[in-house]
Amino acid sequence: LEIDALYMSGTDSSITAAFAVSSILVIIAVIVLVLRNVFEYRQKNAKKGGVK
């Protein structure tokens, strides 16, 4: 919601800041998804007696 308010204020610097914050949030989301998949893969292999 803060990002939307920042974007709606209309100044060039606030629009740039809104896109920067949005980009950072997207990067964090992708990192979380990758880490989650890595941990799930490791746990699945550990249950099978595979790679630690």
Protein backbone atom coordinates (compact mmCIF):
# COMPACT_ATOMS: atom_id res chain seq x y z
CA LEU A 1 0.00 0.00 0.00
CA GLU A 2 2.84 2.37 0.71
CA ILE A 3 4.29 1.64 -2.72
CA ASP A 4 0.97 2.52 -4.33
CA ALA A 5 0.78 5.77 -2.37
CA LEU A 6 4.34 6.56 -3.40
CA TYR A 7 3.50 5.88 -7.05
CA MET A 8 0.27 7.88 -6.94
CA SER A 9 1.98 10.99 -5.56
CA GLY A 10 3.12 11.60 -9.12
CA THR A 11 6.55 13.13 -8.77
CA ASP A 12 9.37 11.65 -10.83
CA SER A 13 11.47 10.74 -7.82
CA SER A 14 8.58 9.04 -6.02
CA ILE A 15 7.68 7.01 -9.11
CA THR A 16 11.30 5.92 -9.41
CA ALA A 17 11.37 5.00 -5.73
CA ALA A 18 8.14 3.01 -6.07
CA PHE A 19 9.58 0.97 -8.93
CA ALA A 20 12.83 0.45 -7.02
CA VAL A 21 10.99 -0.86 -3.96
CA SER A 22 8.80 -3.06 -6.14
CA SER A 23 11.86 -4.49 -7.85
CA ILE A 24 13.49 -5.27 -4.51
CA LEU A 25 10.34 -7.04 -3.33
CA VAL A 26 10.25 -9.14 -6.51
CA ILE A 27 13.90 -10.10 -6.06
CA ILE A 28 13.25 -11.10 -2.45
CA ALA A 29 10.25 -13.20 -3.54
CA VAL A 30 12.30 -15.02 -6.18
CA ILE A 31 15.09 -15.72 -3.67
CA VAL A 32 12.57 -17.09 -1.18
CA LEU A 33 11.06 -19.38 -3.83
CA VAL A 34 14.47 -20.69 -4.89
CA LEU A 35 15.55 -21.32 -1.30
CA ARG A 36 12.27 -23.05 -0.52
CA ASN A 37 12.68 -25.38 -3.49
CA VAL A 38 16.30 -26.15 -2.55
CA PHE A 39 15.33 -27.01 1.03
CA GLU A 40 12.40 -29.16 -0.12
CA TYR A 41 14.66 -31.00 -2.57
CA ARG A 42 17.26 -31.65 0.13
CA GLN A 43 14.65 -32.90 2.58
CA LYS A 44 13.12 -35.18 -0.01
CA ASN A 45 16.55 -36.68 -0.75
CA ALA A 46 17.41 -36.96 2.95
CA LYS A 47 14.25 -39.00 3.57
CA LYS A 48 15.27 -41.37 0.77
CA GLY A 49 18.74 -41.72 2.28
CA GLY A 50 20.36 -39.77 -0.51
CA VAL A 51 22.47 -36.62 -0.49
CA LYS A 52 22.75 -34.73 2.79
